[in-house]
Amino acid sequence: MTFHQTLACHVTCIISICRDSQLLVLIDESGDAGFKLARGSTPHFVVAMVIFDDFKEAERTSRLIEEARISLRIKPEFKFNKCASQVKDGFFEAVASCKFSVRAIAVDKSRIYSDNLRENKELFYNFFVKSLLQHDNNALAGARVKIDGSGDREFKRELVAYLKRESAAGKIVDVKFAESHRNNLIQLADMVAGAIARSYREGDRNEHDRWRKMLGSKIQNVWDFR
């Protein structure tokens, strides 16, 4: 394979599925597990999957992102929370012609009343990672997984633990770490997760859902967990 924080934390998976279609899936999250909403915790937590049905299309997308980074003079990589509005516009315009789909879960933490989820960070991550991946429309079947080694330790641990259990069950082939700053498609997952998370910040005038709208019909499903 040639492929090797929007807010508080980031972990990305690259999943190469061994099928004739060479389907490719990337997973990223935006937000944190904290519930001190008045003191800096993110109001929403989002986990998103970017799904390519064709490996050649994924390679084409990677090239377009590389070209966009050069033309927009971004170094070393695209990160949603660090990009100016015009850079976000340029990024999503660059991938507008690309063929991929998005599935995500968005958690409104103000509506979470379970003490276990509110007080146990590992349980919070585990529950919502499983919630998304168990309803993945079978996208992970036969997968080889690569995970960005940076980001929140608890989220990474729960994600890896879940994926390894799936590996033991024969659903996922392998789980490995990768370096996010060297992979354009990891940056795509970052930007997509960030755009979805930002869409819930309705106080941002007309910009809150601007980049989510630019994804348009690429968004197959966003599960609003309440």
C-alpha atoms as a PDB file:
ATOM      1  CA  MET A   1       0.000   0.000   0.000  1.00  0.00           C
ATOM      2  CA  THR A   2       1.339   3.465  -0.894  1.00  0.00           C
ATOM      3  CA  PHE A   3      -0.646   5.281   1.831  1.00  0.00           C
ATOM      4  CA  HIS A   4       0.800   4.953   4.876  1.00  0.00           C
ATOM      5  CA  GLN A   5      -6.649  18.746  16.581  1.00  0.00           C
ATOM      6  CA  THR A   6      -9.771  19.768  15.112  1.00  0.00           C
ATOM      7  CA  LEU A   7     -10.218  20.313  18.812  1.00  0.00           C
ATOM      8  CA  ALA A   8      -8.657  18.563  21.779  1.00  0.00           C
ATOM      9  CA  CYS A   9      -7.630  15.205  20.381  1.00  0.00           C
ATOM     10  CA  HIS A  10      -7.047  13.293  17.142  1.00  0.00           C
ATOM     11  CA  VAL A  11      -6.541   9.696  16.195  1.00  0.00           C
ATOM     12  CA  THR A  12      -6.952   8.454  12.631  1.00  0.00           C
ATOM     13  CA  CYS A  13      -7.311   4.933  11.256  1.00  0.00           C
ATOM     14  CA  ILE A  14      -6.512   3.969   7.697  1.00  0.00           C
ATOM     15  CA  ILE A  15      -8.293   0.776   6.746  1.00  0.00           C
ATOM     16  CA  SER A  16      -7.381  -1.086   3.566  1.00  0.00           C
ATOM     17  CA  ILE A  17      -9.897  -3.774   2.794  1.00  0.00           C
ATOM     18  CA  CYS A  18      -8.734  -6.780   0.808  1.00  0.00           C
ATOM     19  CA  ARG A  19     -11.454  -7.018  -1.785  1.00  0.00           C
ATOM     20  CA  ASP A  20     -11.517  -6.732  -5.542  1.00  0.00           C
ATOM     21  CA  SER A  21     -12.773  -3.156  -5.109  1.00  0.00           C
ATOM     22  CA  GLN A  22      -9.743  -2.291  -2.878  1.00  0.00           C
ATOM     23  CA  LEU A  23     -12.110  -0.344  -0.639  1.00  0.00           C
ATOM     24  CA  LEU A  24     -10.396   2.096   1.723  1.00  0.00           C
ATOM     25  CA  VAL A  25     -11.780   3.490   4.994  1.00  0.00           C
ATOM     26  CA  LEU A  26     -10.357   6.201   7.262  1.00  0.00           C
ATOM     27  CA  ILE A  27     -11.619   6.994  10.760  1.00  0.00           C
ATOM     28  CA  ASP A  28     -11.049  10.181  12.745  1.00  0.00           C
ATOM     29  CA  GLU A  29     -12.567  11.868  15.784  1.00  0.00           C
ATOM     30  CA  SER A  30     -13.098  15.447  16.865  1.00  0.00           C
ATOM     31  CA  GLY A  31     -13.698  16.610  20.401  1.00  0.00           C
ATOM     32  CA  ASP A  32     -13.020  15.182  23.848  1.00  0.00           C
ATOM     33  CA  ALA A  33     -14.667  13.068  26.539  1.00  0.00           C
ATOM     34  CA  GLY A  34     -14.881  15.856  29.132  1.00  0.00           C
ATOM     35  CA  PHE A  35     -18.141  17.134  30.618  1.00  0.00           C
ATOM     36  CA  LYS A  36     -16.942  20.444  32.068  1.00  0.00           C
ATOM     37  CA  LEU A  37     -18.749  22.239  29.267  1.00  0.00           C
ATOM     38  CA  ALA A  38     -18.512  25.646  30.933  1.00  0.00           C
ATOM     39  CA  ARG A  39     -14.753  25.280  31.373  1.00  0.00           C
ATOM     40  CA  GLY A  40     -13.495  24.274  27.963  1.00  0.00           C
ATOM     41  CA  SER A  41     -14.738  20.753  27.258  1.00  0.00           C
ATOM     42  CA  THR A  42     -16.105  20.409  23.746  1.00  0.00           C
ATOM     43  CA  PRO A  43     -19.935  20.361  23.623  1.00  0.00           C
ATOM     44  CA  HIS A  44     -19.940  17.638  20.970  1.00  0.00           C
ATOM     45  CA  PHE A  45     -17.880  14.545  20.248  1.00  0.00           C
ATOM     46  CA  VAL A  46     -17.732  13.271  16.658  1.00  0.00           C
ATOM     47  CA  VAL A  47     -16.328  10.089  15.126  1.00  0.00           C
ATOM     48  CA  ALA A  48     -16.341   9.998  11.304  1.00  0.00           C
ATOM     49  CA  MET A  49     -15.519   7.374   8.671  1.00  0.00           C
ATOM     50  CA  VAL A  50     -14.396   8.360   5.153  1.00  0.00           C
ATOM     51  CA  ILE A  51     -15.027   5.519   2.710  1.00  0.00           C
ATOM     52  CA  PHE A  52     -13.529   5.044  -0.766  1.00  0.00           C
ATOM     53  CA  ASP A  53     -14.981   2.347  -3.021  1.00  0.00           C
ATOM     54  CA  ASP A  54     -11.962   2.425  -5.306  1.00  0.00           C
ATOM     55  CA  PHE A  55      -8.278   2.543  -4.391  1.00  0.00           C
ATOM     56  CA  LYS A  56      -7.362   4.492  -7.533  1.00  0.00           C
ATOM     57  CA  GLU A  57      -9.876   7.163  -6.560  1.00  0.00           C
ATOM     58  CA  ALA A  58      -8.242   7.351  -3.132  1.00  0.00           C
ATOM     59  CA  GLU A  59      -4.864   7.867  -4.822  1.00  0.00           C
ATOM     60  CA  ARG A  60      -6.330  10.595  -7.032  1.00  0.00           C
ATOM     61  CA  THR A  61      -7.773  12.297  -3.959  1.00  0.00           C
ATOM     62  CA  SER A  62      -4.396  12.126  -2.254  1.00  0.00           C
ATOM     63  CA  ARG A  63      -2.771  13.833  -5.236  1.00  0.00           C
ATOM     64  CA  LEU A  64      -5.397  16.592  -5.262  1.00  0.00           C
ATOM     65  CA  ILE A  65      -4.836  17.228  -1.554  1.00  0.00           C
ATOM     66  CA  GLU A  66      -1.084  17.404  -2.167  1.00  0.00           C
ATOM     67  CA  GLU A  67      -1.645  19.949  -4.942  1.00  0.00           C
ATOM     68  CA  ALA A  68      -3.985  21.960  -2.708  1.00  0.00           C
ATOM     69  CA  ARG A  69      -1.424  22.030   0.079  1.00  0.00           C
ATOM     70  CA  ILE A  70       1.170  23.429  -2.314  1.00  0.00           C
ATOM     71  CA  SER A  71      -1.152  26.010  -3.878  1.00  0.00           C
ATOM     72  CA  LEU A  72      -2.512  27.105  -0.489  1.00  0.00           C
ATOM     73  CA  ARG A  73       1.003  27.118   1.013  1.00  0.00           C
ATOM     74  CA  ILE A  74       0.119  24.879   3.937  1.00  0.00           C
ATOM     75  CA  LYS A  75       2.976  23.348   5.941  1.00  0.00           C
ATOM     76  CA  PRO A  76       3.256  20.629   7.027  1.00  0.00           C
ATOM     77  CA  GLU A  77      -0.372  19.426   6.834  1.00  0.00           C
ATOM     78  CA  PHE A  78      -4.066  20.325   6.830  1.00  0.00           C
ATOM     79  CA  LYS A  79      -5.663  20.364  10.288  1.00  0.00           C
ATOM     80  CA  PHE A  80      -9.193  21.683  10.509  1.00  0.00           C
ATOM     81  CA  ASN A  81      -8.806  23.539  13.782  1.00  0.00           C
ATOM     82  CA  LYS A  82      -5.645  25.305  12.602  1.00  0.00           C
ATOM     83  CA  CYS A  83      -6.819  26.329   9.120  1.00  0.00           C
ATOM     84  CA  ALA A  84      -8.214  29.746   8.261  1.00  0.00           C
ATOM     85  CA  SER A  85     -11.655  29.858   6.652  1.00  0.00           C
ATOM     86  CA  GLN A  86     -10.263  30.472   3.169  1.00  0.00           C
ATOM     87  CA  VAL A  87      -7.952  27.466   3.527  1.00  0.00           C
ATOM     88  CA  LYS A  88     -10.890  25.265   4.544  1.00  0.00           C
ATOM     89  CA  ASP A  89     -12.767  26.541   1.486  1.00  0.00           C
ATOM     90  CA  GLY A  90      -9.797  25.714  -0.740  1.00  0.00           C
ATOM     91  CA  PHE A  91      -9.445  22.238   0.718  1.00  0.00           C
ATOM     92  CA  PHE A  92     -13.077  21.224   0.276  1.00  0.00           C
ATOM     93  CA  GLU A  93     -13.179  22.744  -3.201  1.00  0.00           C
ATOM     94  CA  ALA A  94     -10.114  20.637  -4.072  1.00  0.00           C
ATOM     95  CA  VAL A  95     -11.822  17.370  -3.089  1.00  0.00           C
ATOM     96  CA  ALA A  96     -15.282  18.276  -4.425  1.00  0.00           C
ATOM     97  CA  SER A  97     -14.889  16.033  -7.484  1.00  0.00           C
ATOM     98  CA  CYS A  98     -13.580  13.086  -5.466  1.00  0.00           C
ATOM     99  CA  LYS A  99     -15.739  10.020  -4.976  1.00  0.00           C
ATOM    100  CA  PHE A 100     -15.954   9.050  -1.323  1.00  0.00           C
ATOM    101  CA  SER A 101     -18.708   8.743   1.264  1.00  0.00           C
ATOM    102  CA  VAL A 102     -18.913   9.692   4.928  1.00  0.00           C
ATOM    103  CA  ARG A 103     -20.595   8.024   7.905  1.00  0.00           C
ATOM    104  CA  ALA A 104     -20.396   9.576  11.368  1.00  0.00           C
ATOM    105  CA  ILE A 105     -21.768   9.684  14.889  1.00  0.00           C
ATOM    106  CA  ALA A 106     -22.205  13.051  16.641  1.00  0.00           C
ATOM    107  CA  VAL A 107     -22.695  13.082  20.408  1.00  0.00           C
ATOM    108  CA  ASP A 108     -24.397  16.044  22.108  1.00  0.00           C
ATOM    109  CA  LYS A 109     -22.794  15.734  25.534  1.00  0.00           C
ATOM    110  CA  SER A 110     -25.425  17.934  27.202  1.00  0.00           C
ATOM    111  CA  ARG A 111     -27.883  15.079  26.569  1.00  0.00           C
ATOM    112  CA  ILE A 112     -25.743  12.340  28.106  1.00  0.00           C
ATOM    113  CA  TYR A 113     -27.126  11.537  31.562  1.00  0.00           C
ATOM    114  CA  SER A 114     -25.352   8.265  32.312  1.00  0.00           C
ATOM    115  CA  ASP A 115     -22.949   8.760  35.225  1.00  0.00           C
ATOM    116  CA  ASN A 116     -20.772   5.960  33.852  1.00  0.00           C
ATOM    117  CA  LEU A 117     -20.301   7.727  30.515  1.00  0.00           C
ATOM    118  CA  ARG A 118     -19.846  11.143  32.128  1.00  0.00           C
ATOM    119  CA  GLU A 119     -17.279  10.001  34.687  1.00  0.00           C
ATOM    120  CA  ASN A 120     -15.340   7.281  32.878  1.00  0.00           C
ATOM    121  CA  LYS A 121     -13.351   8.545  29.900  1.00  0.00           C
ATOM    122  CA  GLU A 122     -12.377   5.084  28.688  1.00  0.00           C
ATOM    123  CA  LEU A 123     -15.977   3.855  28.865  1.00  0.00           C
ATOM    124  CA  PHE A 124     -17.144   6.977  26.983  1.00  0.00           C
ATOM    125  CA  TYR A 125     -14.705   6.400  24.127  1.00  0.00           C
ATOM    126  CA  ASN A 126     -15.361   2.655  24.066  1.00  0.00           C
ATOM    127  CA  PHE A 127     -19.134   3.086  23.918  1.00  0.00           C
ATOM    128  CA  PHE A 128     -19.184   5.562  21.051  1.00  0.00           C
ATOM    129  CA  VAL A 129     -16.418   3.908  19.030  1.00  0.00           C
ATOM    130  CA  LYS A 130     -18.394   0.668  19.231  1.00  0.00           C
ATOM    131  CA  SER A 131     -21.650   2.468  18.427  1.00  0.00           C
ATOM    132  CA  LEU A 132     -20.252   3.748  15.133  1.00  0.00           C
ATOM    133  CA  LEU A 133     -18.217   0.709  14.133  1.00  0.00           C
ATOM    134  CA  GLN A 134     -20.951  -1.806  14.931  1.00  0.00           C
ATOM    135  CA  HIS A 135     -23.186   0.098  12.505  1.00  0.00           C
ATOM    136  CA  ASP A 136     -20.516   0.485   9.808  1.00  0.00           C
ATOM    137  CA  ASN A 137     -22.616  -1.063   7.019  1.00  0.00           C
ATOM    138  CA  ASN A 138     -20.002  -3.864   6.936  1.00  0.00           C
ATOM    139  CA  ALA A 139     -17.300  -1.420   5.775  1.00  0.00           C
ATOM    140  CA  LEU A 140     -14.639  -2.999   8.022  1.00  0.00           C
ATOM    141  CA  ALA A 141     -14.982  -6.608   6.838  1.00  0.00           C
ATOM    142  CA  GLY A 142     -11.566  -8.062   5.960  1.00  0.00           C
ATOM    143  CA  ALA A 143      -9.784  -4.837   6.859  1.00  0.00           C
ATOM    144  CA  ARG A 144      -6.123  -4.013   7.420  1.00  0.00           C
ATOM    145  CA  VAL A 145      -6.004  -1.070   9.818  1.00  0.00           C
ATOM    146  CA  LYS A 146      -3.350   1.620  10.313  1.00  0.00           C
ATOM    147  CA  ILE A 147      -3.773   4.110  13.160  1.00  0.00           C
ATOM    148  CA  ASP A 148      -2.161   7.510  13.643  1.00  0.00           C
ATOM    149  CA  GLY A 149       0.118   7.185  16.647  1.00  0.00           C
ATOM    150  CA  SER A 150      -0.569  10.719  17.924  1.00  0.00           C
ATOM    151  CA  GLY A 151      -3.570  11.961  19.870  1.00  0.00           C
ATOM    152  CA  ASP A 152      -5.520  11.139  22.986  1.00  0.00           C
ATOM    153  CA  ARG A 153      -4.192   7.972  24.619  1.00  0.00           C
ATOM    154  CA  GLU A 154      -7.508   6.760  26.004  1.00  0.00           C
ATOM    155  CA  PHE A 155      -9.313   7.140  22.681  1.00  0.00           C
ATOM    156  CA  LYS A 156      -6.492   5.397  20.841  1.00  0.00           C
ATOM    157  CA  ARG A 157      -6.409   2.564  23.371  1.00  0.00           C
ATOM    158  CA  GLU A 158     -10.157   1.948  23.197  1.00  0.00           C
ATOM    159  CA  LEU A 159     -10.186   2.134  19.401  1.00  0.00           C
ATOM    160  CA  VAL A 160      -7.257  -0.282  19.071  1.00  0.00           C
ATOM    161  CA  ALA A 161      -8.754  -2.650  21.650  1.00  0.00           C
ATOM    162  CA  TYR A 162     -12.051  -2.775  19.777  1.00  0.00           C
ATOM    163  CA  LEU A 163     -10.372  -3.272  16.407  1.00  0.00           C
ATOM    164  CA  LYS A 164      -8.158  -6.045  17.785  1.00  0.00           C
ATOM    165  CA  ARG A 165     -11.207  -7.837  19.156  1.00  0.00           C
ATOM    166  CA  GLU A 166     -12.714  -7.620  15.694  1.00  0.00           C
ATOM    167  CA  SER A 167      -9.412  -8.906  14.294  1.00  0.00           C
ATOM    168  CA  ALA A 168      -9.526 -11.901  16.634  1.00  0.00           C
ATOM    169  CA  ALA A 169     -13.075 -12.562  15.429  1.00  0.00           C
ATOM    170  CA  GLY A 170     -11.826 -12.632  11.850  1.00  0.00           C
ATOM    171  CA  LYS A 171     -13.501  -9.411  10.732  1.00  0.00           C
ATOM    172  CA  ILE A 172     -10.347  -7.244  10.613  1.00  0.00           C
ATOM    173  CA  VAL A 173      -7.055  -8.632   9.318  1.00  0.00           C
ATOM    174  CA  ASP A 174      -4.474  -6.450  11.101  1.00  0.00           C
ATOM    175  CA  VAL A 175      -4.009  -3.272  13.178  1.00  0.00           C
ATOM    176  CA  LYS A 176      -0.875  -1.098  12.858  1.00  0.00           C
ATOM    177  CA  PHE A 177       0.241   2.469  13.620  1.00  0.00           C
ATOM    178  CA  ALA A 178       1.053   5.116  10.975  1.00  0.00           C
ATOM    179  CA  GLU A 179       2.360   8.709  10.946  1.00  0.00           C
ATOM    180  CA  SER A 180      -0.415  11.206  10.259  1.00  0.00           C
ATOM    181  CA  HIS A 181       1.694  14.083   8.917  1.00  0.00           C
ATOM    182  CA  ARG A 182       2.910  11.931   6.011  1.00  0.00           C
ATOM    183  CA  ASN A 183      -0.502  10.892   4.715  1.00  0.00           C
ATOM    184  CA  ASN A 184      -2.862  13.124   2.756  1.00  0.00           C
ATOM    185  CA  LEU A 185      -5.875  10.913   3.406  1.00  0.00           C
ATOM    186  CA  ILE A 186      -5.423  11.180   7.149  1.00  0.00           C
ATOM    187  CA  GLN A 187      -5.671  14.922   6.611  1.00  0.00           C
ATOM    188  CA  LEU A 188      -8.904  14.355   4.688  1.00  0.00           C
ATOM    189  CA  ALA A 189     -10.370  12.434   7.630  1.00  0.00           C
ATOM    190  CA  ASP A 190      -9.268  15.234   9.983  1.00  0.00           C
ATOM    191  CA  MET A 191     -10.950  17.876   7.843  1.00  0.00           C
ATOM    192  CA  VAL A 192     -14.161  15.864   7.443  1.00  0.00           C
ATOM    193  CA  ALA A 193     -14.485  15.130  11.168  1.00  0.00           C
ATOM    194  CA  GLY A 194     -13.755  18.788  11.896  1.00  0.00           C
ATOM    195  CA  ALA A 195     -16.354  20.031   9.416  1.00  0.00           C
ATOM    196  CA  ILE A 196     -19.038  17.829  10.963  1.00  0.00           C
ATOM    197  CA  ALA A 197     -18.106  18.853  14.505  1.00  0.00           C
ATOM    198  CA  ARG A 198     -18.069  22.540  13.550  1.00  0.00           C
ATOM    199  CA  SER A 199     -21.589  22.264  12.115  1.00  0.00           C
ATOM    200  CA  TYR A 200     -22.943  21.921  15.658  1.00  0.00           C
ATOM    201  CA  ARG A 201     -21.496  25.283  16.751  1.00  0.00           C
ATOM    202  CA  GLU A 202     -24.556  27.271  15.739  1.00  0.00           C
ATOM    203  CA  GLY A 203     -23.284  30.469  17.339  1.00  0.00           C
ATOM    204  CA  ASP A 204     -20.786  30.913  14.490  1.00  0.00           C
ATOM    205  CA  ARG A 205     -23.200  32.994  12.411  1.00  0.00           C
ATOM    206  CA  ASN A 206     -23.493  31.453   8.953  1.00  0.00           C
ATOM    207  CA  GLU A 207     -20.182  29.582   9.107  1.00  0.00           C
ATOM    208  CA  HIS A 208     -21.098  26.773  11.477  1.00  0.00           C
ATOM    209  CA  ASP A 209     -22.221  24.334   8.761  1.00  0.00           C
ATOM    210  CA  ARG A 210     -20.430  25.927   5.821  1.00  0.00           C
ATOM    211  CA  TRP A 211     -17.872  23.146   5.292  1.00  0.00           C
ATOM    212  CA  ARG A 212     -20.275  20.325   6.099  1.00  0.00           C
ATOM    213  CA  LYS A 213     -22.485  21.670   3.299  1.00  0.00           C
ATOM    214  CA  MET A 214     -19.480  21.612   0.962  1.00  0.00           C
ATOM    215  CA  LEU A 215     -19.308  17.844   1.505  1.00  0.00           C
ATOM    216  CA  GLY A 216     -22.899  17.667   0.235  1.00  0.00           C
ATOM    217  CA  SER A 217     -24.090  14.241  -0.878  1.00  0.00           C
ATOM    218  CA  LYS A 218     -20.788  12.659   0.160  1.00  0.00           C
ATOM    219  CA  ILE A 219     -22.290  12.495   3.653  1.00  0.00           C
ATOM    220  CA  GLN A 220     -24.143   9.190   3.655  1.00  0.00           C
ATOM    221  CA  ASN A 221     -25.243   9.294   7.270  1.00  0.00           C
ATOM    222  CA  VAL A 222     -24.628  11.289  10.463  1.00  0.00           C
ATOM    223  CA  TRP A 223     -26.132   9.635  13.517  1.00  0.00           C
ATOM    224  CA  ASP A 224     -27.113  12.342  16.014  1.00  0.00           C
ATOM    225  CA  PHE A 225     -26.779  10.458  19.291  1.00  0.00           C
ATOM    226  CA  ARG A 226     -29.020  11.945  21.988  1.00  0.00           C
END
